[in-house]
PDB file of N, CA and C in Angstrom:
ATOM      1  N   GLN A   1      -9.066  -2.312  10.145  1.00  0.00           N
ATOM      2  CA  GLN A   1      -9.987  -1.966   9.062  1.00  0.00           C
ATOM      3  C   GLN A   1      -9.809  -2.465   7.764  1.00  0.00           C
ATOM      4  N   LYS A   2     -10.807  -2.681   6.706  1.00  0.00           N
ATOM      5  CA  LYS A   2     -10.672  -3.121   5.586  1.00  0.00           C
ATOM      6  C   LYS A   2     -10.927  -2.074   4.811  1.00  0.00           C
ATOM      7  N   PHE A   3     -10.043  -1.707   3.849  1.00  0.00           N
ATOM      8  CA  PHE A   3     -10.104  -0.743   2.630  1.00  0.00           C
ATOM      9  C   PHE A   3     -10.304  -1.453   1.159  1.00  0.00           C
ATOM     10  N   THR A   4     -11.098  -0.592   0.242  1.00  0.00           N
ATOM     11  CA  THR A   4     -10.968  -1.301  -1.088  1.00  0.00           C
ATOM     12  C   THR A   4      -9.694  -0.949  -1.827  1.00  0.00           C
ATOM     13  N   LYS A   5      -9.368  -1.587  -2.657  1.00  0.00           N
ATOM     14  CA  LYS A   5      -8.214  -1.017  -3.554  1.00  0.00           C
ATOM     15  C   LYS A   5      -8.265   0.448  -4.090  1.00  0.00           C
ATOM     16  N   THR A   6      -9.743   0.608  -4.370  1.00  0.00           N
ATOM     17  CA  THR A   6      -9.883   2.206  -4.720  1.00  0.00           C
ATOM     18  C   THR A   6      -9.657   2.886  -3.743  1.00  0.00           C
ATOM     19  N   GLN A   7     -10.004   2.792  -2.463  1.00  0.00           N
ATOM     20  CA  GLN A   7      -9.946   3.562  -1.233  1.00  0.00           C
ATOM     21  C   GLN A   7      -8.416   3.610  -1.007  1.00  0.00           C
ATOM     22  N   LEU A   8      -7.756   2.753  -0.987  1.00  0.00           N
ATOM     23  CA  LEU A   8      -6.190   2.813  -0.809  1.00  0.00           C
ATOM     24  C   LEU A   8      -5.453   3.087  -1.672  1.00  0.00           C
ATOM     25  N   ALA A   9      -5.760   3.443  -2.938  1.00  0.00           N
ATOM     26  CA  ALA A   9      -5.236   3.897  -3.924  1.00  0.00           C
ATOM     27  C   ALA A   9      -5.393   5.626  -3.660  1.00  0.00           C
ATOM     28  N   THR A  10      -6.684   6.134  -3.308  1.00  0.00           N
ATOM     29  CA  THR A  10      -6.845   7.252  -3.056  1.00  0.00           C
ATOM     30  C   THR A  10      -5.914   7.866  -1.918  1.00  0.00           C
ATOM     31  N   MET A  11      -6.192   7.428  -0.849  1.00  0.00           N
ATOM     32  CA  MET A  11      -5.648   7.537   0.306  1.00  0.00           C
ATOM     33  C   MET A  11      -4.040   7.582   0.050  1.00  0.00           C
ATOM     34  N   THR A  12      -3.333   6.666  -0.754  1.00  0.00           N
ATOM     35  CA  THR A  12      -1.694   6.884  -0.952  1.00  0.00           C
ATOM     36  C   THR A  12      -1.378   7.718  -2.074  1.00  0.00           C
ATOM     37  N   ASN A  13      -2.355   8.310  -2.772  1.00  0.00           N
ATOM     38  CA  ASN A  13      -2.415   8.825  -4.244  1.00  0.00           C
ATOM     39  C   ASN A  13      -1.545   8.135  -4.923  1.00  0.00           C
ATOM     40  N   LYS A  14      -1.832   6.907  -5.277  1.00  0.00           N
ATOM     41  CA  LYS A  14      -1.410   5.854  -6.148  1.00  0.00           C
ATOM     42  C   LYS A  14      -2.358   5.443  -7.025  1.00  0.00           C
ATOM     43  N   SER A  15      -1.939   4.937  -8.200  1.00  0.00           N
ATOM     44  CA  SER A  15      -3.132   4.525  -8.944  1.00  0.00           C
ATOM     45  C   SER A  15      -3.747   3.211  -8.417  1.00  0.00           C
ATOM     46  N   ILE A  16      -4.971   2.744  -8.841  1.00  0.00           N
ATOM     47  CA  ILE A  16      -5.481   1.401  -8.706  1.00  0.00           C
ATOM     48  C   ILE A  16      -4.603   0.354  -9.088  1.00  0.00           C
ATOM     49  N   SER A  17      -4.214   0.563 -10.359  1.00  0.00           N
ATOM     50  CA  SER A  17      -3.642  -0.571 -11.026  1.00  0.00           C
ATOM     51  C   SER A  17      -2.009  -0.780 -10.226  1.00  0.00           C
ATOM     52  N   MET A  18      -1.464   0.583  -9.756  1.00  0.00           N
ATOM     53  CA  MET A  18      -0.345   0.281  -8.714  1.00  0.00           C
ATOM     54  C   MET A  18      -0.291  -0.612  -7.648  1.00  0.00           C
ATOM     55  N   ILE A  19      -1.678  -0.392  -6.618  1.00  0.00           N
ATOM     56  CA  ILE A  19      -1.814  -0.874  -5.673  1.00  0.00           C
ATOM     57  C   ILE A  19      -2.287  -2.554  -6.006  1.00  0.00           C
ATOM     58  N   CYS A  20      -2.953  -2.651  -7.128  1.00  0.00           N
ATOM     59  CA  CYS A  20      -3.240  -4.056  -7.738  1.00  0.00           C
ATOM     60  C   CYS A  20      -1.832  -4.810  -7.923  1.00  0.00           C
ATOM     61  N   ASP A  21      -1.030  -4.324  -8.541  1.00  0.00           N
ATOM     62  CA  ASP A  21       0.258  -4.806  -8.753  1.00  0.00           C
ATOM     63  C   ASP A  21       1.138  -5.325  -7.712  1.00  0.00           C
ATOM     64  N   ILE A  22       1.254  -4.041  -6.840  1.00  0.00           N
ATOM     65  CA  ILE A  22       1.952  -4.488  -5.506  1.00  0.00           C
ATOM     66  C   ILE A  22       1.340  -5.726  -4.692  1.00  0.00           C
ATOM     67  N   GLU A  23      -0.041  -5.807  -4.676  1.00  0.00           N
ATOM     68  CA  GLU A  23      -0.731  -6.763  -3.984  1.00  0.00           C
ATOM     69  C   GLU A  23      -0.489  -7.881  -4.667  1.00  0.00           C
ATOM     70  N   ALA A  24      -0.396  -8.257  -5.998  1.00  0.00           N
ATOM     71  CA  ALA A  24      -0.110  -9.401  -6.764  1.00  0.00           C
ATOM     72  C   ALA A  24       1.337  -9.829  -6.739  1.00  0.00           C
ATOM     73  N   GLY A  25       2.128  -8.958  -6.348  1.00  0.00           N
ATOM     74  CA  GLY A  25       3.444  -9.222  -6.264  1.00  0.00           C
ATOM     75  C   GLY A  25       3.971  -8.638  -7.901  1.00  0.00           C
ATOM     76  N   ARG A  26       3.495  -8.227  -8.532  1.00  0.00           N
ATOM     77  CA  ARG A  26       4.234  -7.852  -9.715  1.00  0.00           C
ATOM     78  C   ARG A  26       5.024  -6.639  -9.748  1.00  0.00           C
ATOM     79  N   LYS A  27       4.756  -5.710  -8.896  1.00  0.00           N
ATOM     80  CA  LYS A  27       5.559  -4.591  -8.832  1.00  0.00           C
ATOM     81  C   LYS A  27       6.186  -4.508  -7.335  1.00  0.00           C
ATOM     82  N   ASN A  28       7.493  -3.660  -7.085  1.00  0.00           N
ATOM     83  CA  ASN A  28       7.957  -4.028  -5.670  1.00  0.00           C
ATOM     84  C   ASN A  28       7.755  -2.403  -5.735  1.00  0.00           C
ATOM     85  N   PRO A  29       7.103  -2.193  -4.617  1.00  0.00           N
ATOM     86  CA  PRO A  29       6.942  -0.547  -3.839  1.00  0.00           C
ATOM     87  C   PRO A  29       8.367   0.002  -3.620  1.00  0.00           C
ATOM     88  N   SER A  30       8.397   1.285  -3.870  1.00  0.00           N
ATOM     89  CA  SER A  30       9.154   2.112  -3.353  1.00  0.00           C
ATOM     90  C   SER A  30       9.142   2.252  -1.866  1.00  0.00           C
ATOM     91  N   VAL A  31      10.286   2.888  -1.113  1.00  0.00           N
ATOM     92  CA  VAL A  31      10.004   3.004   0.406  1.00  0.00           C
ATOM     93  C   VAL A  31       9.115   4.350   0.325  1.00  0.00           C
ATOM     94  N   PRO A  32       8.948   5.376  -0.265  1.00  0.00           N
ATOM     95  CA  PRO A  32       7.708   6.328   0.064  1.00  0.00           C
ATOM     96  C   PRO A  32       6.692   5.814  -0.084  1.00  0.00           C
ATOM     97  N   THR A  33       6.298   4.766  -1.300  1.00  0.00           N
ATOM     98  CA  THR A  33       4.926   4.497  -1.507  1.00  0.00           C
ATOM     99  C   THR A  33       4.688   3.181  -0.144  1.00  0.00           C
ATOM    100  N   LEU A  34       5.529   2.372   0.382  1.00  0.00           N
ATOM    101  CA  LEU A  34       5.371   1.710   1.521  1.00  0.00           C
ATOM    102  C   LEU A  34       5.139   2.329   2.671  1.00  0.00           C
ATOM    103  N   VAL A  35       5.645   3.739   2.975  1.00  0.00           N
ATOM    104  CA  VAL A  35       5.248   4.498   4.080  1.00  0.00           C
ATOM    105  C   VAL A  35       3.734   5.086   3.759  1.00  0.00           C
ATOM    106  N   ALA A  36       3.441   5.517   2.567  1.00  0.00           N
ATOM    107  CA  ALA A  36       2.387   5.944   2.081  1.00  0.00           C
ATOM    108  C   ALA A  36       1.201   4.983   2.550  1.00  0.00           C
ATOM    109  N   ILE A  37       1.579   3.544   2.084  1.00  0.00           N
ATOM    110  CA  ILE A  37       0.650   2.601   2.385  1.00  0.00           C
ATOM    111  C   ILE A  37       0.534   2.082   4.058  1.00  0.00           C
ATOM    112  N   ALA A  38       1.671   2.172   4.683  1.00  0.00           N
ATOM    113  CA  ALA A  38       1.518   2.018   6.132  1.00  0.00           C
ATOM    114  C   ALA A  38       0.729   3.311   6.814  1.00  0.00           C
ATOM    115  N   ILE A  39       1.058   4.401   6.575  1.00  0.00           N
ATOM    116  CA  ILE A  39       0.403   5.541   7.029  1.00  0.00           C
ATOM    117  C   ILE A  39      -1.304   5.234   6.616  1.00  0.00           C
ATOM    118  N   ALA A  40      -1.782   5.030   5.503  1.00  0.00           N
ATOM    119  CA  ALA A  40      -3.034   4.789   5.367  1.00  0.00           C
ATOM    120  C   ALA A  40      -3.784   3.634   6.066  1.00  0.00           C
ATOM    121  N   LEU A  41      -2.913   2.670   6.366  1.00  0.00           N
ATOM    122  CA  LEU A  41      -3.535   1.572   6.953  1.00  0.00           C
ATOM    123  C   LEU A  41      -3.201   1.672   8.359  1.00  0.00           C
ATOM    124  N   GLY A  42      -2.448   2.509   8.880  1.00  0.00           N
ATOM    125  CA  GLY A  42      -2.536   2.702  10.192  1.00  0.00           C
ATOM    126  C   GLY A  42      -1.739   1.654  11.227  1.00  0.00           C
ATOM    127  N   ILE A  43      -0.435   1.279  10.191  1.00  0.00           N
ATOM    128  CA  ILE A  43       0.379   0.345  10.803  1.00  0.00           C
ATOM    129  C   ILE A  43       1.919   0.857  10.521  1.00  0.00           C
ATOM    130  N   SER A  44       3.001   0.061  11.065  1.00  0.00           N
ATOM    131  CA  SER A  44       4.207   0.421  11.274  1.00  0.00           C
ATOM    132  C   SER A  44       4.589  -0.262   9.912  1.00  0.00           C
ATOM    133  N   LEU A  45       6.062   0.273   9.474  1.00  0.00           N
ATOM    134  CA  LEU A  45       6.625  -0.489   8.342  1.00  0.00           C
ATOM    135  C   LEU A  45       7.296  -1.850   8.867  1.00  0.00           C
ATOM    136  N   ASP A  46       7.609  -2.034  10.379  1.00  0.00           N
ATOM    137  CA  ASP A  46       7.997  -3.081  10.592  1.00  0.00           C
ATOM    138  C   ASP A  46       6.764  -4.209  10.276  1.00  0.00           C
ATOM    139  N   THR A  47       5.380  -3.853  10.394  1.00  0.00           N
ATOM    140  CA  THR A  47       4.596  -4.665  10.130  1.00  0.00           C
ATOM    141  C   THR A  47       4.679  -5.185   8.871  1.00  0.00           C
ATOM    142  N   ILE A  48       4.804  -4.312   7.879  1.00  0.00           N
ATOM    143  CA  ILE A  48       4.958  -4.716   6.590  1.00  0.00           C
ATOM    144  C   ILE A  48       5.804  -5.864   6.037  1.00  0.00           C
ATOM    145  N   PHE A  49       7.143  -5.124   6.913  1.00  0.00           N
ATOM    146  CA  PHE A  49       8.294  -6.012   6.479  1.00  0.00           C
ATOM    147  C   PHE A  49       8.642  -7.556   7.128  1.00  0.00           C
ATOM    148  N   LEU A  50       7.784  -7.530   8.250  1.00  0.00           N
ATOM    149  CA  LEU A  50       7.673  -8.873   8.994  1.00  0.00           C
ATOM    150  C   LEU A  50       6.646  -9.409   8.692  1.00  0.00           C
ATOM    151  N   ASN A  51       5.667  -9.283   7.786  1.00  0.00           N
ATOM    152  CA  ASN A  51       4.369  -9.940   7.718  1.00  0.00           C
ATOM    153  C   ASN A  51       4.557 -10.448   6.333  1.00  0.00           C
TER     154      ASN A  51
END
């Protein structure tokens, strides 16, 4: 599935700027943020860390 940054921000209760900064490598997400992103995307944390 593909989500827009706006959709992912809404699904994770994070700001769009936070999602953009994480994607661009400007910010390092906290573990709870990573968990929220993984749940929203329907993937495991292993997938995030190994890719």
